[in-house]
Amino acid sequence: MTFLSILFALLLEQLKPLRADNPVYREIKAFAVRMETWFNAGDAAHGRLGWFLMMFALMAPVSLVYWLLLRYNWIFAAFAWNVLIVYLTLGFRHYSHYFTSIQLALNAGDEAAARALLAEWTKQDTIGMEANEISRIAVEKALITTHRNVFGVFFWFLMPLGPAAAVMYRVSEYLARAWNEPEHMRNEAFGEFAAKAFYWIDWIPARLTAVAFAVVGNFEDAVYAWRNFADRWKDEAIGIILAAGGGAMGVRLGTPVENAAKLVVSEAGEITDEEVDTLPGEEPSVRALQSTVGLVWRALLLWMMLLLLLSGAVWLG
């Protein structure tokens, strides 16, 4: 049932992709705002309480419905419930129109349109960016978005809690951003637990995504970049995914600080470059966008093949 649920949800999303501003997401975002308003008294313990209450409020109904459907042996209804929850938690097509439009604009030489689309997608200043910089940021955003909206959901949906675990993953990812990234929430104690919780929830999925990128891409360069460069990103999970993804495609991702040679201080106090530790690959270009599409689809097929094998082993067992 697990494999078919994911397969049908993916097909449904291809036919009828959910918009990022759909009513379900809007209600969850509004709920998160209310929880922050009710519980934020400037203490980390309040953020922890708000996080657990919000998770319980969203996961309990999903688990209860699924349990009742299985309890009364309504298999097809339980299958439909799984498909619905996976469909709502996946985001494979939420932002793909941005990526595709940026790729088309750059291919047409319209850097101004590409910058405008990238700014709308990433909510950052893109004024003055050249094609290579636009391509790099678009590739990075696509890899991270795919991991958090697809592969992370896959992993948690396979866990015993099933659809409720998928909800937990997506909501925890959103709370880690919503309670920390806005200007009025930065450096506030309230969002500390949300960030730590998502770090541990995403610890295994992030590494599995990196492994998938390595397997379907250039394995040696992906592993080399992962081992030597992942720790240069401020966010550990993002560093692992981008280092492995860039190595798999033969593209240098990250800022100059993140992909520069490692600085070494000699005994004489001189700072030198350790050239052996330079990130392999080429500077991102418009071609890197097409390489990203291929890498993501190959990784998706790998996940689905492994899931099919696992489901078959369970069924035969």
C-alpha atoms as a PDB file:
ATOM      1  CA  MET A   1       0.000   0.000   0.000  1.00  0.00           C
ATOM      2  CA  THR A   2       2.888   2.367   0.765  1.00  0.00           C
ATOM      3  CA  PHE A   3       4.417   2.196  -2.713  1.00  0.00           C
ATOM      4  CA  LEU A   4       1.061   2.573  -4.449  1.00  0.00           C
ATOM      5  CA  SER A   5       0.105   5.473  -2.191  1.00  0.00           C
ATOM      6  CA  ILE A   6       3.235   7.404  -3.133  1.00  0.00           C
ATOM      7  CA  LEU A   7       2.936   6.467  -6.808  1.00  0.00           C
ATOM      8  CA  PHE A   8      -0.692   7.599  -7.050  1.00  0.00           C
ATOM      9  CA  ALA A   9       0.065  10.785  -5.097  1.00  0.00           C
ATOM     10  CA  LEU A  10       2.918  11.621  -7.486  1.00  0.00           C
ATOM     11  CA  LEU A  11       0.712  10.975 -10.519  1.00  0.00           C
ATOM     12  CA  LEU A  12      -2.069  13.078  -9.018  1.00  0.00           C
ATOM     13  CA  GLU A  13       0.336  15.927  -8.368  1.00  0.00           C
ATOM     14  CA  GLN A  14       1.584  15.794 -11.941  1.00  0.00           C
ATOM     15  CA  LEU A  15      -2.003  16.036 -13.200  1.00  0.00           C
ATOM     16  CA  LYS A  16      -3.252  18.563 -10.618  1.00  0.00           C
ATOM     17  CA  PRO A  17      -0.360  20.233  -8.794  1.00  0.00           C
ATOM     18  CA  LEU A  18      -1.209  22.040  -5.583  1.00  0.00           C
ATOM     19  CA  ARG A  19      -0.385  25.711  -5.411  1.00  0.00           C
ATOM     20  CA  ALA A  20       1.852  26.855  -2.562  1.00  0.00           C
ATOM     21  CA  ASP A  21      -0.966  29.128  -1.363  1.00  0.00           C
ATOM     22  CA  ASN A  22      -3.661  26.438  -1.283  1.00  0.00           C
ATOM     23  CA  PRO A  23      -6.302  26.605   1.521  1.00  0.00           C
ATOM     24  CA  VAL A  24      -4.806  23.739   3.567  1.00  0.00           C
ATOM     25  CA  TYR A  25      -1.394  25.393   3.706  1.00  0.00           C
ATOM     26  CA  ARG A  26      -2.932  28.783   4.464  1.00  0.00           C
ATOM     27  CA  GLU A  27      -4.803  27.344   7.455  1.00  0.00           C
ATOM     28  CA  ILE A  28      -1.689  25.633   8.818  1.00  0.00           C
ATOM     29  CA  LYS A  29       0.322  28.839   8.454  1.00  0.00           C
ATOM     30  CA  ALA A  30      -2.419  30.799  10.203  1.00  0.00           C
ATOM     31  CA  PHE A  31      -2.490  28.177  12.969  1.00  0.00           C
ATOM     32  CA  ALA A  32       1.295  28.548  13.417  1.00  0.00           C
ATOM     33  CA  VAL A  33       0.892  32.312  13.732  1.00  0.00           C
ATOM     34  CA  ARG A  34      -1.814  31.877  16.380  1.00  0.00           C
ATOM     35  CA  MET A  35       0.321  29.390  18.323  1.00  0.00           C
ATOM     36  CA  GLU A  36       3.227  31.830  18.297  1.00  0.00           C
ATOM     37  CA  THR A  37       0.927  34.635  19.467  1.00  0.00           C
ATOM     38  CA  TRP A  38      -0.548  32.530  22.273  1.00  0.00           C
ATOM     39  CA  PHE A  39       2.664  30.961  23.602  1.00  0.00           C
ATOM     40  CA  ASN A  40       5.537  33.316  22.787  1.00  0.00           C
ATOM     41  CA  ALA A  41       6.515  34.882  26.095  1.00  0.00           C
ATOM     42  CA  GLY A  42      10.214  35.040  25.285  1.00  0.00           C
ATOM     43  CA  ASP A  43      11.208  31.666  26.708  1.00  0.00           C
ATOM     44  CA  ALA A  44      12.445  28.543  24.897  1.00  0.00           C
ATOM     45  CA  ALA A  45      10.162  26.332  27.010  1.00  0.00           C
ATOM     46  CA  HIS A  46       7.127  28.125  25.588  1.00  0.00           C
ATOM     47  CA  GLY A  47       8.331  27.390  22.062  1.00  0.00           C
ATOM     48  CA  ARG A  48       8.749  23.718  22.959  1.00  0.00           C
ATOM     49  CA  LEU A  49       5.222  23.564  24.377  1.00  0.00           C
ATOM     50  CA  GLY A  50       3.761  25.331  21.342  1.00  0.00           C
ATOM     51  CA  TRP A  51       5.615  22.983  18.989  1.00  0.00           C
ATOM     52  CA  PHE A  52       4.343  19.814  20.683  1.00  0.00           C
ATOM     53  CA  LEU A  53       0.769  21.094  20.913  1.00  0.00           C
ATOM     54  CA  MET A  54       0.705  22.048  17.247  1.00  0.00           C
ATOM     55  CA  MET A  55       2.127  18.664  16.232  1.00  0.00           C
ATOM     56  CA  PHE A  56      -0.435  16.843  18.347  1.00  0.00           C
ATOM     57  CA  ALA A  57      -3.299  18.936  16.946  1.00  0.00           C
ATOM     58  CA  LEU A  58      -2.313  18.062  13.367  1.00  0.00           C
ATOM     59  CA  MET A  59      -0.999  14.514  13.716  1.00  0.00           C
ATOM     60  CA  ALA A  60      -3.637  13.053  16.049  1.00  0.00           C
ATOM     61  CA  PRO A  61      -6.605  13.451  13.642  1.00  0.00           C
ATOM     62  CA  VAL A  62      -4.551  12.032  10.742  1.00  0.00           C
ATOM     63  CA  SER A  63      -3.530   8.993  12.823  1.00  0.00           C
ATOM     64  CA  LEU A  64      -7.024   8.495  14.218  1.00  0.00           C
ATOM     65  CA  VAL A  65      -8.706   8.466  10.803  1.00  0.00           C
ATOM     66  CA  TYR A  66      -6.111   6.049   9.419  1.00  0.00           C
ATOM     67  CA  TRP A  67      -6.420   3.738  12.446  1.00  0.00           C
ATOM     68  CA  LEU A  68     -10.228   3.692  12.259  1.00  0.00           C
ATOM     69  CA  LEU A  69     -10.179   2.865   8.556  1.00  0.00           C
ATOM     70  CA  LEU A  70      -7.811  -0.050   9.155  1.00  0.00           C
ATOM     71  CA  ARG A  71      -9.691  -1.096  12.294  1.00  0.00           C
ATOM     72  CA  TYR A  72     -12.898  -1.628  10.322  1.00  0.00           C
ATOM     73  CA  ASN A  73     -10.985  -3.156   7.399  1.00  0.00           C
ATOM     74  CA  TRP A  74     -11.839  -0.348   4.969  1.00  0.00           C
ATOM     75  CA  ILE A  75      -8.677  -0.969   2.966  1.00  0.00           C
ATOM     76  CA  PHE A  76      -9.563   1.122  -0.055  1.00  0.00           C
ATOM     77  CA  ALA A  77     -10.612   4.042   2.132  1.00  0.00           C
ATOM     78  CA  ALA A  78      -7.316   3.779   4.059  1.00  0.00           C
ATOM     79  CA  PHE A  79      -5.449   3.716   0.749  1.00  0.00           C
ATOM     80  CA  ALA A  80      -7.316   6.816  -0.439  1.00  0.00           C
ATOM     81  CA  TRP A  81      -6.528   8.556   2.874  1.00  0.00           C
ATOM     82  CA  ASN A  82      -2.836   7.758   2.417  1.00  0.00           C
ATOM     83  CA  VAL A  83      -2.865   9.122  -1.122  1.00  0.00           C
ATOM     84  CA  LEU A  84      -4.580  12.311   0.038  1.00  0.00           C
ATOM     85  CA  ILE A  85      -2.104  12.944   2.872  1.00  0.00           C
ATOM     86  CA  VAL A  86       0.937  12.249   0.678  1.00  0.00           C
ATOM     87  CA  TYR A  87      -0.555  14.485  -2.018  1.00  0.00           C
ATOM     88  CA  LEU A  88      -0.956  17.307   0.505  1.00  0.00           C
ATOM     89  CA  THR A  89       2.514  16.863   2.019  1.00  0.00           C
ATOM     90  CA  LEU A  90       4.426  16.492  -1.244  1.00  0.00           C
ATOM     91  CA  GLY A  91       5.526  19.632  -3.035  1.00  0.00           C
ATOM     92  CA  PHE A  92       7.214  18.312  -6.171  1.00  0.00           C
ATOM     93  CA  ARG A  93       5.368  20.788  -8.400  1.00  0.00           C
ATOM     94  CA  HIS A  94       4.795  23.678  -5.979  1.00  0.00           C
ATOM     95  CA  TYR A  95       7.700  25.736  -7.250  1.00  0.00           C
ATOM     96  CA  SER A  96       8.775  23.909 -10.400  1.00  0.00           C
ATOM     97  CA  HIS A  97       7.224  26.634 -12.554  1.00  0.00           C
ATOM     98  CA  TYR A  98       9.769  29.091 -11.164  1.00  0.00           C
ATOM     99  CA  PHE A  99      12.669  26.792 -12.000  1.00  0.00           C
ATOM    100  CA  THR A 100      11.347  26.061 -15.507  1.00  0.00           C
ATOM    101  CA  SER A 101      10.645  29.739 -16.200  1.00  0.00           C
ATOM    102  CA  ILE A 102      14.133  30.764 -15.033  1.00  0.00           C
ATOM    103  CA  GLN A 103      15.650  28.115 -17.282  1.00  0.00           C
ATOM    104  CA  LEU A 104      13.655  29.337 -20.289  1.00  0.00           C
ATOM    105  CA  ALA A 105      14.518  32.977 -19.574  1.00  0.00           C
ATOM    106  CA  LEU A 106      18.247  32.260 -19.339  1.00  0.00           C
ATOM    107  CA  ASN A 107      18.168  30.153 -22.498  1.00  0.00           C
ATOM    108  CA  ALA A 108      16.545  33.109 -24.245  1.00  0.00           C
ATOM    109  CA  GLY A 109      19.176  35.490 -22.851  1.00  0.00           C
ATOM    110  CA  ASP A 110      16.618  37.402 -20.780  1.00  0.00           C
ATOM    111  CA  GLU A 111      18.580  37.807 -17.539  1.00  0.00           C
ATOM    112  CA  ALA A 112      16.252  40.529 -16.253  1.00  0.00           C
ATOM    113  CA  ALA A 113      13.259  38.188 -16.326  1.00  0.00           C
ATOM    114  CA  ALA A 114      15.339  35.415 -14.726  1.00  0.00           C
ATOM    115  CA  ARG A 115      16.393  37.766 -11.921  1.00  0.00           C
ATOM    116  CA  ALA A 116      12.787  38.822 -11.311  1.00  0.00           C
ATOM    117  CA  LEU A 117      11.606  35.200 -11.148  1.00  0.00           C
ATOM    118  CA  LEU A 118      14.457  34.225  -8.834  1.00  0.00           C
ATOM    119  CA  ALA A 119      13.702  37.144  -6.520  1.00  0.00           C
ATOM    120  CA  GLU A 120      10.033  36.152  -6.359  1.00  0.00           C
ATOM    121  CA  TRP A 121      10.950  32.534  -5.641  1.00  0.00           C
ATOM    122  CA  THR A 122      13.745  33.004  -3.089  1.00  0.00           C
ATOM    123  CA  LYS A 123      12.633  36.343  -1.575  1.00  0.00           C
ATOM    124  CA  GLN A 124      16.164  37.732  -1.877  1.00  0.00           C
ATOM    125  CA  ASP A 125      17.773  40.648  -3.689  1.00  0.00           C
ATOM    126  CA  THR A 126      18.885  39.601  -7.173  1.00  0.00           C
ATOM    127  CA  ILE A 127      19.790  43.014  -8.599  1.00  0.00           C
ATOM    128  CA  GLY A 128      22.965  42.851 -10.663  1.00  0.00           C
ATOM    129  CA  MET A 129      23.232  39.071 -10.662  1.00  0.00           C
ATOM    130  CA  GLU A 130      24.744  37.520 -13.761  1.00  0.00           C
ATOM    131  CA  ALA A 131      23.599  34.313 -15.442  1.00  0.00           C
ATOM    132  CA  ASN A 132      26.055  32.087 -13.534  1.00  0.00           C
ATOM    133  CA  GLU A 133      24.967  33.430 -10.164  1.00  0.00           C
ATOM    134  CA  ILE A 134      21.285  33.102 -11.087  1.00  0.00           C
ATOM    135  CA  SER A 135      21.900  29.512 -12.188  1.00  0.00           C
ATOM    136  CA  ARG A 136      23.760  28.649  -8.984  1.00  0.00           C
ATOM    137  CA  ILE A 137      21.063  29.972  -6.667  1.00  0.00           C
ATOM    138  CA  ALA A 138      18.284  28.354  -8.735  1.00  0.00           C
ATOM    139  CA  VAL A 139      20.059  24.977  -8.628  1.00  0.00           C
ATOM    140  CA  GLU A 140      20.643  25.228  -4.874  1.00  0.00           C
ATOM    141  CA  LYS A 141      17.042  26.218  -4.215  1.00  0.00           C
ATOM    142  CA  ALA A 142      15.758  23.374  -6.400  1.00  0.00           C
ATOM    143  CA  LEU A 143      17.867  20.708  -4.657  1.00  0.00           C
ATOM    144  CA  ILE A 144      16.881  21.818  -1.152  1.00  0.00           C
ATOM    145  CA  THR A 145      13.211  22.254  -2.082  1.00  0.00           C
ATOM    146  CA  THR A 146      13.092  18.802  -3.680  1.00  0.00           C
ATOM    147  CA  HIS A 147      14.644  17.211  -0.615  1.00  0.00           C
ATOM    148  CA  ARG A 148      12.286  18.862   1.850  1.00  0.00           C
ATOM    149  CA  ASN A 149       9.148  18.568  -0.288  1.00  0.00           C
ATOM    150  CA  VAL A 150       9.705  15.065  -1.672  1.00  0.00           C
ATOM    151  CA  PHE A 151      12.494  12.839  -0.341  1.00  0.00           C
ATOM    152  CA  GLY A 152      12.086  13.824   3.308  1.00  0.00           C
ATOM    153  CA  VAL A 153       8.361  13.120   3.049  1.00  0.00           C
ATOM    154  CA  PHE A 154       9.082   9.716   1.495  1.00  0.00           C
ATOM    155  CA  PHE A 155      11.316   8.705   4.380  1.00  0.00           C
ATOM    156  CA  TRP A 156       8.886   9.632   7.138  1.00  0.00           C
ATOM    157  CA  PHE A 157       5.891   8.182   5.304  1.00  0.00           C
ATOM    158  CA  LEU A 158       7.689   4.827   5.455  1.00  0.00           C
ATOM    159  CA  MET A 159       7.849   5.013   9.246  1.00  0.00           C
ATOM    160  CA  PRO A 160       5.228   3.219  11.429  1.00  0.00           C
ATOM    161  CA  LEU A 161       3.133   6.374  11.890  1.00  0.00           C
ATOM    162  CA  GLY A 162       2.765   6.583   8.103  1.00  0.00           C
ATOM    163  CA  PRO A 163       0.725   9.618   7.006  1.00  0.00           C
ATOM    164  CA  ALA A 164       0.994  11.293  10.422  1.00  0.00           C
ATOM    165  CA  ALA A 165       4.798  11.120  10.212  1.00  0.00           C
ATOM    166  CA  ALA A 166       4.718  12.767   6.777  1.00  0.00           C
ATOM    167  CA  VAL A 167       2.630  15.575   8.278  1.00  0.00           C
ATOM    168  CA  MET A 168       5.119  15.879  11.144  1.00  0.00           C
ATOM    169  CA  TYR A 169       8.032  16.283   8.735  1.00  0.00           C
ATOM    170  CA  ARG A 170       6.477  18.999   6.600  1.00  0.00           C
ATOM    171  CA  VAL A 171       5.049  20.947   9.541  1.00  0.00           C
ATOM    172  CA  SER A 172       8.300  20.749  11.517  1.00  0.00           C
ATOM    173  CA  GLU A 173      10.191  22.045   8.481  1.00  0.00           C
ATOM    174  CA  TYR A 174       7.783  24.958   8.195  1.00  0.00           C
ATOM    175  CA  LEU A 175       7.940  25.807  11.915  1.00  0.00           C
ATOM    176  CA  ALA A 176      11.741  25.773  11.847  1.00  0.00           C
ATOM    177  CA  ARG A 177      11.520  28.550   9.250  1.00  0.00           C
ATOM    178  CA  ALA A 178       8.428  30.433  10.404  1.00  0.00           C
ATOM    179  CA  TRP A 179       9.559  30.697  14.033  1.00  0.00           C
ATOM    180  CA  ASN A 180      13.160  31.661  13.236  1.00  0.00           C
ATOM    181  CA  GLU A 181      13.646  33.297   9.837  1.00  0.00           C
ATOM    182  CA  PRO A 182      11.265  36.322   9.890  1.00  0.00           C
ATOM    183  CA  GLU A 183      12.973  39.487  11.095  1.00  0.00           C
ATOM    184  CA  HIS A 184      10.806  39.809  14.189  1.00  0.00           C
ATOM    185  CA  MET A 185      11.599  36.193  15.187  1.00  0.00           C
ATOM    186  CA  ARG A 186      15.360  36.128  14.638  1.00  0.00           C
ATOM    187  CA  ASN A 187      17.445  35.433  17.734  1.00  0.00           C
ATOM    188  CA  GLU A 188      14.295  34.817  19.787  1.00  0.00           C
ATOM    189  CA  ALA A 189      14.318  31.897  22.212  1.00  0.00           C
ATOM    190  CA  PHE A 190      10.823  30.843  21.137  1.00  0.00           C
ATOM    191  CA  GLY A 191      12.021  29.285  17.871  1.00  0.00           C
ATOM    192  CA  GLU A 192      15.065  27.471  19.246  1.00  0.00           C
ATOM    193  CA  PHE A 193      13.301  24.169  19.868  1.00  0.00           C
ATOM    194  CA  ALA A 194      11.616  24.200  16.442  1.00  0.00           C
ATOM    195  CA  ALA A 195      15.029  24.531  14.771  1.00  0.00           C
ATOM    196  CA  LYS A 196      16.591  21.785  16.918  1.00  0.00           C
ATOM    197  CA  ALA A 197      13.617  19.465  16.423  1.00  0.00           C
ATOM    198  CA  PHE A 198      13.773  19.748  12.636  1.00  0.00           C
ATOM    199  CA  TYR A 199      17.552  19.240  12.703  1.00  0.00           C
ATOM    200  CA  TRP A 200      17.082  15.795  14.266  1.00  0.00           C
ATOM    201  CA  ILE A 201      13.950  14.964  12.255  1.00  0.00           C
ATOM    202  CA  ASP A 202      15.857  15.726   9.046  1.00  0.00           C
ATOM    203  CA  TRP A 203      19.161  14.141  10.110  1.00  0.00           C
ATOM    204  CA  ILE A 204      18.664  10.787   8.380  1.00  0.00           C
ATOM    205  CA  PRO A 205      16.593  11.996   5.364  1.00  0.00           C
ATOM    206  CA  ALA A 206      19.220  14.629   4.452  1.00  0.00           C
ATOM    207  CA  ARG A 207      21.947  12.011   4.332  1.00  0.00           C
ATOM    208  CA  LEU A 208      19.810   9.573   2.361  1.00  0.00           C
ATOM    209  CA  THR A 209      19.113  12.288  -0.202  1.00  0.00           C
ATOM    210  CA  ALA A 210      22.847  12.967  -0.485  1.00  0.00           C
ATOM    211  CA  VAL A 211      23.495   9.240  -0.954  1.00  0.00           C
ATOM    212  CA  ALA A 212      20.828   9.101  -3.675  1.00  0.00           C
ATOM    213  CA  PHE A 213      22.443  12.036  -5.508  1.00  0.00           C
ATOM    214  CA  ALA A 214      25.826  10.319  -5.281  1.00  0.00           C
ATOM    215  CA  VAL A 215      24.497   6.981  -6.567  1.00  0.00           C
ATOM    216  CA  VAL A 216      22.742   8.467  -9.615  1.00  0.00           C
ATOM    217  CA  GLY A 217      25.484  11.006 -10.350  1.00  0.00           C
ATOM    218  CA  ASN A 218      29.278  11.188 -10.165  1.00  0.00           C
ATOM    219  CA  PHE A 219      29.789   9.074  -7.059  1.00  0.00           C
ATOM    220  CA  GLU A 220      33.450   9.859  -6.377  1.00  0.00           C
ATOM    221  CA  ASP A 221      33.106  13.639  -6.671  1.00  0.00           C
ATOM    222  CA  ALA A 222      29.873  13.621  -4.661  1.00  0.00           C
ATOM    223  CA  VAL A 223      31.453  11.722  -1.771  1.00  0.00           C
ATOM    224  CA  TYR A 224      34.621  13.835  -1.938  1.00  0.00           C
ATOM    225  CA  ALA A 225      32.644  17.082  -1.820  1.00  0.00           C
ATOM    226  CA  TRP A 226      30.427  15.753   0.973  1.00  0.00           C
ATOM    227  CA  ARG A 227      33.381  14.749   3.142  1.00  0.00           C
ATOM    228  CA  ASN A 228      35.461  17.872   2.577  1.00  0.00           C
ATOM    229  CA  PHE A 229      33.030  20.732   2.024  1.00  0.00           C
ATOM    230  CA  ALA A 230      29.676  20.012   3.667  1.00  0.00           C
ATOM    231  CA  ASP A 231      30.775  21.562   6.958  1.00  0.00           C
ATOM    232  CA  ARG A 232      31.404  24.934   5.315  1.00  0.00           C
ATOM    233  CA  TRP A 233      27.697  25.715   5.120  1.00  0.00           C
ATOM    234  CA  LYS A 234      26.116  27.197   8.223  1.00  0.00           C
ATOM    235  CA  ASP A 235      23.268  24.667   8.010  1.00  0.00           C
ATOM    236  CA  GLU A 236      24.704  21.152   8.214  1.00  0.00           C
ATOM    237  CA  ALA A 237      21.887  19.439   6.292  1.00  0.00           C
ATOM    238  CA  ILE A 238      21.965  22.017   3.500  1.00  0.00           C
ATOM    239  CA  GLY A 239      25.732  21.649   3.278  1.00  0.00           C
ATOM    240  CA  ILE A 240      25.487  17.875   2.908  1.00  0.00           C
ATOM    241  CA  ILE A 241      22.809  18.038   0.213  1.00  0.00           C
ATOM    242  CA  LEU A 242      24.418  20.823  -1.827  1.00  0.00           C
ATOM    243  CA  ALA A 243      27.952  19.452  -1.553  1.00  0.00           C
ATOM    244  CA  ALA A 244      26.847  15.966  -2.634  1.00  0.00           C
ATOM    245  CA  GLY A 245      24.441  17.294  -5.280  1.00  0.00           C
ATOM    246  CA  GLY A 246      27.015  19.641  -6.771  1.00  0.00           C
ATOM    247  CA  GLY A 247      29.667  16.935  -6.767  1.00  0.00           C
ATOM    248  CA  ALA A 248      27.268  14.495  -8.420  1.00  0.00           C
ATOM    249  CA  MET A 249      26.668  16.992 -11.253  1.00  0.00           C
ATOM    250  CA  GLY A 250      30.246  18.277 -11.468  1.00  0.00           C
ATOM    251  CA  VAL A 251      29.127  21.787 -10.477  1.00  0.00           C
ATOM    252  CA  ARG A 252      30.559  24.031  -7.750  1.00  0.00           C
ATOM    253  CA  LEU A 253      27.700  25.165  -5.552  1.00  0.00           C
ATOM    254  CA  GLY A 254      27.865  27.531  -2.600  1.00  0.00           C
ATOM    255  CA  THR A 255      29.370  30.974  -2.081  1.00  0.00           C
ATOM    256  CA  PRO A 256      33.087  31.656  -2.692  1.00  0.00           C
ATOM    257  CA  VAL A 257      33.745  31.109   1.027  1.00  0.00           C
ATOM    258  CA  GLU A 258      32.063  27.701   0.912  1.00  0.00           C
ATOM    259  CA  ASN A 259      33.734  26.397  -2.233  1.00  0.00           C
ATOM    260  CA  ALA A 260      37.161  28.006  -1.837  1.00  0.00           C
ATOM    261  CA  ALA A 261      40.285  26.060  -0.954  1.00  0.00           C
ATOM    262  CA  LYS A 262      40.725  25.405   2.745  1.00  0.00           C
ATOM    263  CA  LEU A 263      42.912  27.988   4.464  1.00  0.00           C
ATOM    264  CA  VAL A 264      45.889  26.623   6.388  1.00  0.00           C
ATOM    265  CA  VAL A 265      48.059  28.541   8.873  1.00  0.00           C
ATOM    266  CA  SER A 266      51.711  27.539   8.647  1.00  0.00           C
ATOM    267  CA  GLU A 267      54.156  27.435  11.552  1.00  0.00           C
ATOM    268  CA  ALA A 268      55.498  30.809  10.432  1.00  0.00           C
ATOM    269  CA  GLY A 269      52.018  32.273  10.758  1.00  0.00           C
ATOM    270  CA  GLU A 270      51.444  32.571   6.994  1.00  0.00           C
ATOM    271  CA  ILE A 271      48.024  31.721   5.539  1.00  0.00           C
ATOM    272  CA  THR A 272      48.142  29.455   2.500  1.00  0.00           C
ATOM    273  CA  ASP A 273      45.650  27.565   0.345  1.00  0.00           C
ATOM    274  CA  GLU A 274      45.447  23.796   0.594  1.00  0.00           C
ATOM    275  CA  GLU A 275      44.830  23.157  -3.093  1.00  0.00           C
ATOM    276  CA  VAL A 276      44.095  19.458  -2.633  1.00  0.00           C
ATOM    277  CA  ASP A 277      40.889  20.467  -0.882  1.00  0.00           C
ATOM    278  CA  THR A 278      39.431  22.558  -3.693  1.00  0.00           C
ATOM    279  CA  LEU A 279      35.868  21.668  -4.594  1.00  0.00           C
ATOM    280  CA  PRO A 280      35.773  19.822  -7.956  1.00  0.00           C
ATOM    281  CA  GLY A 281      33.535  20.794 -10.839  1.00  0.00           C
ATOM    282  CA  GLU A 282      32.730  23.752 -13.048  1.00  0.00           C
ATOM    283  CA  GLU A 283      31.133  27.088 -12.321  1.00  0.00           C
ATOM    284  CA  PRO A 284      27.314  26.839 -12.551  1.00  0.00           C
ATOM    285  CA  SER A 285      25.891  27.752 -15.951  1.00  0.00           C
ATOM    286  CA  VAL A 286      22.548  27.514 -17.708  1.00  0.00           C
ATOM    287  CA  ARG A 287      23.385  23.876 -18.498  1.00  0.00           C
ATOM    288  CA  ALA A 288      23.497  23.153 -14.772  1.00  0.00           C
ATOM    289  CA  LEU A 289      19.736  23.746 -14.634  1.00  0.00           C
ATOM    290  CA  GLN A 290      19.128  20.882 -17.048  1.00  0.00           C
ATOM    291  CA  SER A 291      21.596  18.700 -15.131  1.00  0.00           C
ATOM    292  CA  THR A 292      19.619  19.405 -11.959  1.00  0.00           C
ATOM    293  CA  VAL A 293      16.388  18.216 -13.565  1.00  0.00           C
ATOM    294  CA  GLY A 294      18.071  14.977 -14.619  1.00  0.00           C
ATOM    295  CA  LEU A 295      19.658  14.420 -11.210  1.00  0.00           C
ATOM    296  CA  VAL A 296      16.372  14.948  -9.354  1.00  0.00           C
ATOM    297  CA  TRP A 297      14.403  12.630 -11.619  1.00  0.00           C
ATOM    298  CA  ARG A 298      17.043   9.893 -11.422  1.00  0.00           C
ATOM    299  CA  ALA A 299      17.090  10.191  -7.630  1.00  0.00           C
ATOM    300  CA  LEU A 300      13.285  10.000  -7.581  1.00  0.00           C
ATOM    301  CA  LEU A 301      13.335   6.842  -9.706  1.00  0.00           C
ATOM    302  CA  LEU A 302      15.949   5.341  -7.372  1.00  0.00           C
ATOM    303  CA  TRP A 303      13.743   6.035  -4.340  1.00  0.00           C
ATOM    304  CA  MET A 304      10.724   4.521  -6.087  1.00  0.00           C
ATOM    305  CA  MET A 305      12.655   1.427  -7.178  1.00  0.00           C
ATOM    306  CA  LEU A 306      13.954   0.829  -3.650  1.00  0.00           C
ATOM    307  CA  LEU A 307      10.474   1.390  -2.253  1.00  0.00           C
ATOM    308  CA  LEU A 308       9.023  -1.110  -4.731  1.00  0.00           C
ATOM    309  CA  LEU A 309      11.635  -3.714  -3.749  1.00  0.00           C
ATOM    310  CA  LEU A 310      10.974  -3.105  -0.063  1.00  0.00           C
ATOM    311  CA  SER A 311       7.197  -3.353  -0.528  1.00  0.00           C
ATOM    312  CA  GLY A 312       7.623  -6.544  -2.527  1.00  0.00           C
ATOM    313  CA  ALA A 313       9.811  -8.102   0.153  1.00  0.00           C
ATOM    314  CA  VAL A 314       7.280  -7.239   2.846  1.00  0.00           C
ATOM    315  CA  TRP A 315       4.377  -8.605   0.762  1.00  0.00           C
ATOM    316  CA  LEU A 316       6.211 -11.860  -0.062  1.00  0.00           C
ATOM    317  CA  GLY A 317       7.315 -12.224   3.550  1.00  0.00           C
END
